[in-house]
Structures are given as C-alpha cells and as structure tokens.
C-alpha cells in the first residue's frame, strides 16, 4: 500500500477526527464547542485538531505562535480534504 494512502487512513480513518472534520465543514467552531458537541474531552479534541492541522486538513483564524489565551476558531480545509478523499478513492477502487 502506498505511503500516501496509509497516511490518509491513519489520519482520517479515526472516528473522532472524521466527526471533527464533518462538524467543522458545517461551520467554524472552537475546540471547546467541538468537545461539547461530540462528547469528547477538550484536551483530546485539541490533540486531534493539531494532527489535522499538521496535515493541512483544518485551518484557524489565529497563527499557531499566537494562540495562547486566544479564542481560536477552527474550520475544515475542504479542498485539502477532497484531495485526500481522492487519494483514498483512487486506491480503494483500483484506479491508482
């Protein structure tokens, strides 16, 4: 299996991260709001958001070095998510 496909599965194959992406595609939310909506501890949500951000699947309105003490709104980067979905779909359908 190609490394790119393994990365897609590792990152978005997680049910919490998938739910985070879904919620943030519907509108910008804070980590706290996300935690309340999906019933997961805010610390866990934050760790998932950081991983998604490292792969450019989410964006924020505040730069990483300036977030301390700031209310940060997160959004799904839908164009990047579509790219990742295409990678998975091409492989899974045998069109790679």
Protein backbone atom coordinates (compact mmCIF):
# COMPACT_ATOMS: atom_id res chain seq x y z
CA UNK A 1 0.00 0.00 0.00
CA UNK A 2 1.44 3.43 -0.91
CA UNK A 3 2.63 5.62 1.96
CA UNK A 4 0.21 8.40 0.92
CA UNK A 5 -2.76 6.05 1.27
CA UNK A 6 -1.52 4.85 4.66
CA UNK A 7 -1.32 8.47 5.83
CA UNK A 8 -4.88 9.16 4.69
CA UNK A 9 -6.18 6.11 6.51
CA UNK A 10 -4.17 6.88 9.65
CA UNK A 11 -5.34 10.48 9.88
CA UNK A 12 -8.95 10.49 8.70
CA UNK A 13 -9.73 6.85 9.45
CA UNK A 14 -10.22 7.79 13.11
CA UNK A 15 -13.89 8.25 14.08
CA UNK A 16 -13.27 11.31 16.28
CA UNK A 17 -11.17 13.08 13.63
CA UNK A 18 -13.78 12.27 10.99
CA UNK A 19 -16.52 13.74 13.18
CA UNK A 20 -14.38 16.84 13.84
CA UNK A 21 -13.88 17.35 10.10
CA UNK A 22 -17.61 16.93 9.49
CA UNK A 23 -18.60 19.44 12.17
CA UNK A 24 -16.01 21.99 11.07
CA UNK A 25 -17.10 21.67 7.44
CA UNK A 26 -20.52 22.89 8.58
CA UNK A 27 -19.06 25.98 10.27
CA UNK A 28 -16.18 27.32 12.34
CA UNK A 29 -16.05 26.19 15.98
CA UNK A 30 -13.74 26.44 18.98
CA UNK A 31 -12.17 23.31 20.46
CA UNK A 32 -14.44 23.68 23.48
CA UNK A 33 -17.58 23.82 21.34
CA UNK A 34 -16.42 20.81 19.37
CA UNK A 35 -15.75 18.88 22.58
CA UNK A 36 -19.26 19.61 23.86
CA UNK A 37 -20.90 18.67 20.57
CA UNK A 38 -19.13 15.36 20.08
CA UNK A 39 -18.82 14.37 23.75
CA UNK A 40 -15.03 14.18 23.91
CA UNK A 41 -12.70 15.88 26.40
CA UNK A 42 -11.39 19.20 25.09
CA UNK A 43 -7.77 18.08 25.52
CA UNK A 44 -8.41 15.12 23.27
CA UNK A 45 -10.14 17.34 20.70
CA UNK A 46 -7.17 19.69 20.75
CA UNK A 47 -4.73 16.83 20.08
CA UNK A 48 -6.86 15.71 17.14
CA UNK A 49 -7.02 19.28 15.81
CA UNK A 50 -3.23 19.61 15.97
CA UNK A 51 -2.81 16.40 13.98
CA UNK A 52 -5.36 17.55 11.39
CA UNK A 53 -3.65 20.94 11.18
CA UNK A 54 -0.26 19.29 10.59
CA UNK A 55 -1.79 17.67 7.51
CA UNK A 56 -3.49 20.93 6.43
CA UNK A 57 -6.96 19.43 6.88
CA UNK A 58 -8.08 22.21 9.22
CA UNK A 59 -7.33 25.91 9.39
CA UNK A 60 -7.71 28.56 12.09
CA UNK A 61 -8.13 32.29 12.34
CA UNK A 62 -5.08 32.63 14.65
CA UNK A 63 -1.47 31.72 13.79
CA UNK A 64 0.00 28.84 15.86
CA UNK A 65 2.51 31.01 17.72
CA UNK A 66 -0.16 33.50 18.80
CA UNK A 67 -2.87 31.21 20.18
CA UNK A 68 -2.15 31.32 23.90
CA UNK A 69 -5.10 32.99 25.58
CA UNK A 70 -6.93 33.46 22.29
CA UNK A 71 -10.30 32.07 21.26
CA UNK A 72 -9.41 30.07 18.15
CA UNK A 73 -11.98 29.19 15.51
CA UNK A 74 -11.25 26.06 13.52
CA UNK A 75 -12.55 25.17 10.04
CA UNK A 76 -12.20 22.18 7.74
CA UNK A 77 -9.98 22.82 4.74
CA UNK A 78 -12.48 21.23 2.34
CA UNK A 79 -10.24 21.46 -0.73
CA UNK A 80 -7.44 19.57 1.05
CA UNK A 81 -9.96 17.05 2.39
CA UNK A 82 -11.21 16.48 -1.17
CA UNK A 83 -7.63 15.81 -2.30
CA UNK A 84 -7.21 13.23 0.45
CA UNK A 85 -10.56 11.62 -0.35
CA UNK A 86 -9.49 11.31 -3.99
CA UNK A 87 -6.24 9.58 -2.98
CA UNK A 88 -8.19 7.05 -0.93
CA UNK A 89 -10.89 6.57 -3.59
CA UNK A 90 -8.35 6.03 -6.40
CA UNK A 91 -6.56 3.37 -4.37
CA UNK A 92 -9.68 1.67 -2.99
CA UNK A 93 -11.29 1.48 -6.44
CA UNK A 94 -8.11 0.17 -8.07
CA UNK A 95 -7.66 3.28 -10.24
CA UNK A 96 -4.22 4.11 -8.86
